[in-house]
Amino acid sequence: MLDPECLFCEIGNGKIQVDFVDRTEDCFVIKDINPAAPVHLLVIPFEHVTYIDEFVGGNREIMSSMFGAATESAKKAGILDSGYRLVINQKGHAGQQIEHLHLHVLGGAKLGTMA
């Protein structure tokens, strides 16, 4: 199901035009407009899912598709062998700015360590 008020749903259904890095049956990949690393991609499911906890005891195929798209996108971006970071921000305190589940793929340089 799509949310007509969601930016990522609007991109996924073609109402907002962007250059896709990759596209699968379940998700699409775009460049982050405010990159935090030389390579900063967003893997976004077409289905409007807000948080990871919606998968508890249920459909996990979307997460599997997202990780597959992240790996393929890292390969296309040339960061598969050097390494990359995957980040999912959940809710306000973690910095989630758009309430549509998405996976950040960061790489292209040595990244700092995380706490």
N, C-alpha and C. Protein backbone atom coordinates (compact mmCIF):
# COMPACT_ATOMS: atom_id res chain seq x y z
N MET A 1 0.83 -1.17 0.00
CA MET A 1 0.00 0.00 0.00
C MET A 1 0.89 1.25 0.00
N LEU A 2 0.49 2.27 -0.72
CA LEU A 2 1.23 3.52 -0.80
C LEU A 2 0.56 4.58 0.05
N ASP A 3 1.35 5.53 0.51
CA ASP A 3 0.84 6.67 1.26
C ASP A 3 0.97 7.90 0.36
N PRO A 4 -0.14 8.52 -0.03
CA PRO A 4 -0.08 9.66 -0.94
C PRO A 4 0.62 10.89 -0.37
N GLU A 5 0.87 10.90 0.93
CA GLU A 5 1.56 12.02 1.57
C GLU A 5 3.06 11.75 1.74
N CYS A 6 3.55 10.59 1.29
CA CYS A 6 4.93 10.17 1.53
C CYS A 6 5.81 10.48 0.32
N LEU A 7 6.91 11.18 0.54
CA LEU A 7 7.86 11.51 -0.52
C LEU A 7 8.38 10.26 -1.22
N PHE A 8 8.77 9.25 -0.46
CA PHE A 8 9.32 8.04 -1.07
C PHE A 8 8.27 7.27 -1.87
N CYS A 9 7.02 7.27 -1.42
CA CYS A 9 5.95 6.64 -2.21
C CYS A 9 5.76 7.40 -3.53
N GLU A 10 5.84 8.72 -3.48
CA GLU A 10 5.69 9.54 -4.69
C GLU A 10 6.82 9.26 -5.68
N ILE A 11 8.04 9.07 -5.17
CA ILE A 11 9.16 8.73 -6.04
C ILE A 11 8.96 7.33 -6.62
N GLY A 12 8.58 6.39 -5.77
CA GLY A 12 8.41 5.00 -6.21
C GLY A 12 7.32 4.83 -7.25
N ASN A 13 6.25 5.64 -7.17
CA ASN A 13 5.17 5.48 -8.14
C ASN A 13 5.33 6.39 -9.36
N GLY A 14 6.46 7.10 -9.43
CA GLY A 14 6.76 7.90 -10.63
C GLY A 14 6.21 9.31 -10.64
N LYS A 15 5.54 9.73 -9.57
CA LYS A 15 5.00 11.09 -9.53
C LYS A 15 6.09 12.13 -9.36
N ILE A 16 7.20 11.74 -8.74
CA ILE A 16 8.38 12.60 -8.64
C ILE A 16 9.49 11.90 -9.40
N GLN A 17 10.04 12.58 -10.38
CA GLN A 17 11.07 11.99 -11.25
C GLN A 17 12.45 12.09 -10.60
N VAL A 18 13.15 10.96 -10.55
CA VAL A 18 14.53 10.90 -10.07
C VAL A 18 15.28 9.92 -10.96
N ASP A 19 16.60 9.95 -10.86
CA ASP A 19 17.43 8.96 -11.53
C ASP A 19 17.62 7.79 -10.58
N PHE A 20 17.13 6.63 -10.98
CA PHE A 20 17.28 5.44 -10.16
C PHE A 20 18.66 4.84 -10.38
N VAL A 21 19.32 4.48 -9.29
CA VAL A 21 20.59 3.77 -9.35
C VAL A 21 20.30 2.31 -9.69
N ASP A 22 19.23 1.79 -9.11
CA ASP A 22 18.82 0.41 -9.35
C ASP A 22 17.33 0.33 -9.02
N ARG A 23 16.73 -0.74 -9.51
CA ARG A 23 15.30 -0.95 -9.29
C ARG A 23 15.04 -2.45 -9.35
N THR A 24 14.35 -2.97 -8.35
CA THR A 24 13.98 -4.38 -8.34
C THR A 24 12.45 -4.44 -8.25
N GLU A 25 11.94 -5.63 -8.13
CA GLU A 25 10.49 -5.80 -8.00
C GLU A 25 9.97 -5.18 -6.71
N ASP A 26 10.79 -5.26 -5.64
CA ASP A 26 10.33 -4.83 -4.32
C ASP A 26 10.83 -3.46 -3.87
N CYS A 27 11.94 -2.97 -4.44
CA CYS A 27 12.51 -1.72 -3.95
C CYS A 27 13.27 -0.99 -5.05
N PHE A 28 13.64 0.25 -4.73
CA PHE A 28 14.43 1.05 -5.66
C PHE A 28 15.57 1.71 -4.89
N VAL A 29 16.60 2.12 -5.63
CA VAL A 29 17.78 2.72 -5.03
C VAL A 29 18.01 4.07 -5.70
N ILE A 30 18.23 5.09 -4.86
CA ILE A 30 18.52 6.44 -5.35
C ILE A 30 19.72 6.99 -4.58
N LYS A 31 20.32 8.05 -5.11
CA LYS A 31 21.38 8.75 -4.39
C LYS A 31 20.75 9.67 -3.36
N ASP A 32 21.36 9.74 -2.19
CA ASP A 32 20.89 10.65 -1.15
C ASP A 32 21.19 12.09 -1.57
N ILE A 33 20.24 12.99 -1.42
CA ILE A 33 20.44 14.38 -1.86
C ILE A 33 21.33 15.16 -0.88
N ASN A 34 21.58 14.61 0.31
CA ASN A 34 22.45 15.24 1.29
C ASN A 34 23.45 14.18 1.77
N PRO A 35 24.41 13.82 0.91
CA PRO A 35 25.28 12.68 1.22
C PRO A 35 26.18 12.90 2.43
N ALA A 36 26.32 11.82 3.22
CA ALA A 36 27.19 11.82 4.38
C ALA A 36 28.49 11.08 4.10
N ALA A 37 28.68 10.62 2.87
CA ALA A 37 29.88 9.91 2.44
C ALA A 37 29.99 10.08 0.92
N PRO A 38 31.17 9.81 0.35
CA PRO A 38 31.30 9.93 -1.11
C PRO A 38 30.26 9.12 -1.88
N VAL A 39 29.93 7.94 -1.38
CA VAL A 39 28.82 7.14 -1.92
C VAL A 39 27.77 7.07 -0.82
N HIS A 40 26.59 7.58 -1.11
CA HIS A 40 25.50 7.53 -0.13
C HIS A 40 24.22 7.27 -0.90
N LEU A 41 23.77 6.03 -0.81
CA LEU A 41 22.58 5.58 -1.53
C LEU A 41 21.47 5.27 -0.54
N LEU A 42 20.24 5.34 -1.02
CA LEU A 42 19.09 4.96 -0.22
C LEU A 42 18.38 3.80 -0.91
N VAL A 43 18.14 2.74 -0.18
CA VAL A 43 17.38 1.59 -0.67
C VAL A 43 16.00 1.69 -0.03
N ILE A 44 14.97 1.79 -0.88
CA ILE A 44 13.62 2.10 -0.41
C ILE A 44 12.63 1.09 -0.96
N PRO A 45 11.85 0.44 -0.10
CA PRO A 45 10.83 -0.48 -0.61
C PRO A 45 9.69 0.29 -1.27
N PHE A 46 9.11 -0.28 -2.32
CA PHE A 46 7.94 0.33 -2.94
C PHE A 46 6.77 0.36 -1.97
N GLU A 47 6.60 -0.71 -1.20
CA GLU A 47 5.52 -0.79 -0.22
C GLU A 47 5.80 0.19 0.91
N HIS A 48 4.77 0.91 1.32
CA HIS A 48 4.96 1.87 2.42
C HIS A 48 4.99 1.11 3.74
N VAL A 49 6.20 0.97 4.27
CA VAL A 49 6.44 0.39 5.58
C VAL A 49 7.15 1.48 6.37
N THR A 50 6.70 1.74 7.57
CA THR A 50 7.28 2.84 8.34
C THR A 50 8.47 2.39 9.18
N TYR A 51 8.31 1.30 9.92
CA TYR A 51 9.35 0.87 10.85
C TYR A 51 9.64 -0.62 10.73
N ILE A 52 10.82 -1.00 11.18
CA ILE A 52 11.24 -2.40 11.15
C ILE A 52 10.30 -3.27 11.98
N ASP A 53 9.79 -2.75 13.10
CA ASP A 53 8.96 -3.57 13.98
C ASP A 53 7.68 -4.07 13.31
N GLU A 54 7.35 -3.52 12.14
CA GLU A 54 6.20 -4.02 11.38
C GLU A 54 6.47 -5.42 10.80
N PHE A 55 7.74 -5.84 10.82
CA PHE A 55 8.10 -7.16 10.28
C PHE A 55 8.11 -8.25 11.34
N VAL A 56 8.00 -7.88 12.61
CA VAL A 56 8.05 -8.88 13.67
C VAL A 56 6.93 -9.88 13.46
N GLY A 57 7.33 -11.14 13.29
CA GLY A 57 6.36 -12.20 13.09
C GLY A 57 5.68 -12.18 11.73
N GLY A 58 6.20 -11.41 10.78
CA GLY A 58 5.52 -11.30 9.50
C GLY A 58 6.45 -11.30 8.30
N ASN A 59 6.04 -10.61 7.28
CA ASN A 59 6.70 -10.57 5.98
C ASN A 59 8.11 -10.00 6.09
N ARG A 60 9.09 -10.85 5.85
CA ARG A 60 10.48 -10.40 5.91
C ARG A 60 11.12 -10.36 4.53
N GLU A 61 10.37 -10.68 3.50
CA GLU A 61 10.92 -10.71 2.14
C GLU A 61 11.38 -9.33 1.70
N ILE A 62 10.69 -8.29 2.14
CA ILE A 62 11.08 -6.93 1.76
C ILE A 62 12.48 -6.61 2.30
N MET A 63 12.75 -6.98 3.56
CA MET A 63 14.08 -6.73 4.13
C MET A 63 15.14 -7.49 3.36
N SER A 64 14.86 -8.71 3.00
CA SER A 64 15.80 -9.50 2.22
C SER A 64 16.07 -8.84 0.87
N SER A 65 15.03 -8.35 0.22
CA SER A 65 15.18 -7.65 -1.05
C SER A 65 16.00 -6.37 -0.89
N MET A 66 15.79 -5.66 0.21
CA MET A 66 16.53 -4.43 0.46
C MET A 66 18.02 -4.72 0.63
N PHE A 67 18.36 -5.77 1.37
CA PHE A 67 19.77 -6.11 1.56
C PHE A 67 20.39 -6.59 0.25
N GLY A 68 19.63 -7.31 -0.55
CA GLY A 68 20.13 -7.72 -1.87
C GLY A 68 20.38 -6.52 -2.77
N ALA A 69 19.45 -5.56 -2.78
CA ALA A 69 19.62 -4.34 -3.59
C ALA A 69 20.80 -3.51 -3.08
N ALA A 70 21.00 -3.48 -1.76
CA ALA A 70 22.13 -2.74 -1.19
C ALA A 70 23.45 -3.36 -1.65
N THR A 71 23.53 -4.67 -1.62
CA THR A 71 24.75 -5.35 -2.05
C THR A 71 25.01 -5.12 -3.53
N GLU A 72 23.99 -5.24 -4.35
CA GLU A 72 24.15 -5.01 -5.80
C GLU A 72 24.52 -3.56 -6.09
N SER A 73 23.94 -2.63 -5.38
CA SER A 73 24.25 -1.22 -5.57
C SER A 73 25.68 -0.90 -5.12
N ALA A 74 26.12 -1.51 -4.03
CA ALA A 74 27.50 -1.33 -3.58
C ALA A 74 28.48 -1.85 -4.63
N LYS A 75 28.12 -2.97 -5.24
CA LYS A 75 28.95 -3.53 -6.31
C LYS A 75 29.01 -2.56 -7.50
N LYS A 76 27.86 -2.04 -7.93
CA LYS A 76 27.81 -1.10 -9.05
C LYS A 76 28.57 0.19 -8.76
N ALA A 77 28.56 0.62 -7.48
CA ALA A 77 29.23 1.86 -7.08
C ALA A 77 30.73 1.66 -6.86
N GLY A 78 31.18 0.40 -6.92
CA GLY A 78 32.61 0.11 -6.76
C GLY A 78 33.09 0.09 -5.33
N ILE A 79 32.19 -0.12 -4.37
CA ILE A 79 32.59 -0.13 -2.96
C ILE A 79 32.40 -1.50 -2.30
N LEU A 80 32.03 -2.49 -3.08
CA LEU A 80 31.77 -3.82 -2.51
C LEU A 80 33.03 -4.37 -1.83
N ASP A 81 34.16 -4.29 -2.49
CA ASP A 81 35.39 -4.88 -1.94
C ASP A 81 36.05 -4.01 -0.88
N SER A 82 35.96 -2.69 -1.00
CA SER A 82 36.61 -1.81 -0.03
C SER A 82 35.82 -1.70 1.27
N GLY A 83 34.52 -1.94 1.19
CA GLY A 83 33.67 -1.92 2.37
C GLY A 83 32.65 -0.80 2.34
N TYR A 84 31.56 -1.04 3.02
CA TYR A 84 30.48 -0.06 3.09
C TYR A 84 29.69 -0.29 4.37
N ARG A 85 28.93 0.72 4.74
CA ARG A 85 28.12 0.65 5.96
C ARG A 85 26.65 0.69 5.57
N LEU A 86 25.85 -0.10 6.26
CA LEU A 86 24.40 -0.09 6.11
C LEU A 86 23.80 0.49 7.38
N VAL A 87 22.89 1.46 7.21
CA VAL A 87 22.29 2.13 8.37
C VAL A 87 20.78 2.24 8.16
N ILE A 88 20.03 1.91 9.20
CA ILE A 88 18.59 2.15 9.20
C ILE A 88 18.30 2.98 10.45
N ASN A 89 17.82 4.20 10.24
CA ASN A 89 17.42 5.05 11.35
C ASN A 89 15.94 4.78 11.64
N GLN A 90 15.63 4.58 12.90
CA GLN A 90 14.26 4.27 13.31
C GLN A 90 13.76 5.29 14.31
N LYS A 91 12.80 6.06 13.88
CA LYS A 91 12.08 7.03 14.70
C LYS A 91 12.95 8.26 15.00
N GLY A 92 12.37 9.22 15.66
CA GLY A 92 12.96 10.55 15.83
C GLY A 92 14.32 10.61 16.50
N HIS A 93 14.50 9.90 17.60
CA HIS A 93 15.77 9.97 18.31
C HIS A 93 16.93 9.40 17.50
N ALA A 94 16.64 8.54 16.55
CA ALA A 94 17.68 7.95 15.71
C ALA A 94 17.94 8.78 14.47
N GLY A 95 17.10 9.78 14.21
CA GLY A 95 17.31 10.65 13.07
C GLY A 95 16.50 10.30 11.83
N GLN A 96 15.49 9.45 11.96
CA GLN A 96 14.66 9.14 10.80
C GLN A 96 13.88 10.38 10.40
N GLN A 97 14.13 10.87 9.19
CA GLN A 97 13.49 12.10 8.73
C GLN A 97 12.25 11.85 7.89
N ILE A 98 12.20 10.74 7.19
CA ILE A 98 11.04 10.37 6.38
C ILE A 98 10.49 9.07 6.94
N GLU A 99 9.23 9.07 7.29
CA GLU A 99 8.63 7.89 7.93
C GLU A 99 8.21 6.86 6.89
N HIS A 100 9.21 6.37 6.20
CA HIS A 100 9.09 5.27 5.23
C HIS A 100 10.42 4.54 5.36
N LEU A 101 10.37 3.28 5.76
CA LEU A 101 11.57 2.50 5.98
C LEU A 101 12.53 2.64 4.80
N HIS A 102 13.80 2.91 5.09
CA HIS A 102 14.82 2.96 4.05
C HIS A 102 16.17 2.63 4.65
N LEU A 103 17.04 2.14 3.80
CA LEU A 103 18.36 1.66 4.18
C LEU A 103 19.40 2.55 3.53
N HIS A 104 20.31 3.11 4.33
CA HIS A 104 21.40 3.93 3.82
C HIS A 104 22.60 3.03 3.51
N VAL A 105 23.19 3.21 2.35
CA VAL A 105 24.41 2.52 1.96
C VAL A 105 25.48 3.60 1.86
N LEU A 106 26.49 3.51 2.73
CA LEU A 106 27.53 4.54 2.82
C LEU A 106 28.90 3.92 2.54
N GLY A 107 29.71 4.60 1.74
CA GLY A 107 31.06 4.11 1.46
C GLY A 107 31.82 5.07 0.57
N GLY A 108 32.89 4.56 0.00
CA GLY A 108 33.69 5.37 -0.91
C GLY A 108 34.87 6.06 -0.22
N ALA A 109 34.99 5.89 1.09
CA ALA A 109 36.08 6.44 1.88
C ALA A 109 36.10 5.69 3.20
N LYS A 110 37.20 5.82 3.94
CA LYS A 110 37.24 5.19 5.25
C LYS A 110 36.28 5.94 6.17
N LEU A 111 35.35 5.22 6.73
CA LEU A 111 34.33 5.80 7.59
C LEU A 111 34.78 5.71 9.05
N GLY A 112 34.39 6.69 9.83
CA GLY A 112 34.72 6.68 11.25
C GLY A 112 34.04 5.53 11.97
N THR A 113 34.56 5.18 13.12
CA THR A 113 33.93 4.12 13.89
C THR A 113 32.69 4.64 14.57
N MET A 114 31.80 3.75 14.86
CA MET A 114 30.55 4.12 15.53
C MET A 114 30.58 3.59 16.94
N ALA A 115 29.90 4.27 17.85
CA ALA A 115 29.83 3.85 19.25
C ALA A 115 29.09 2.56 19.38
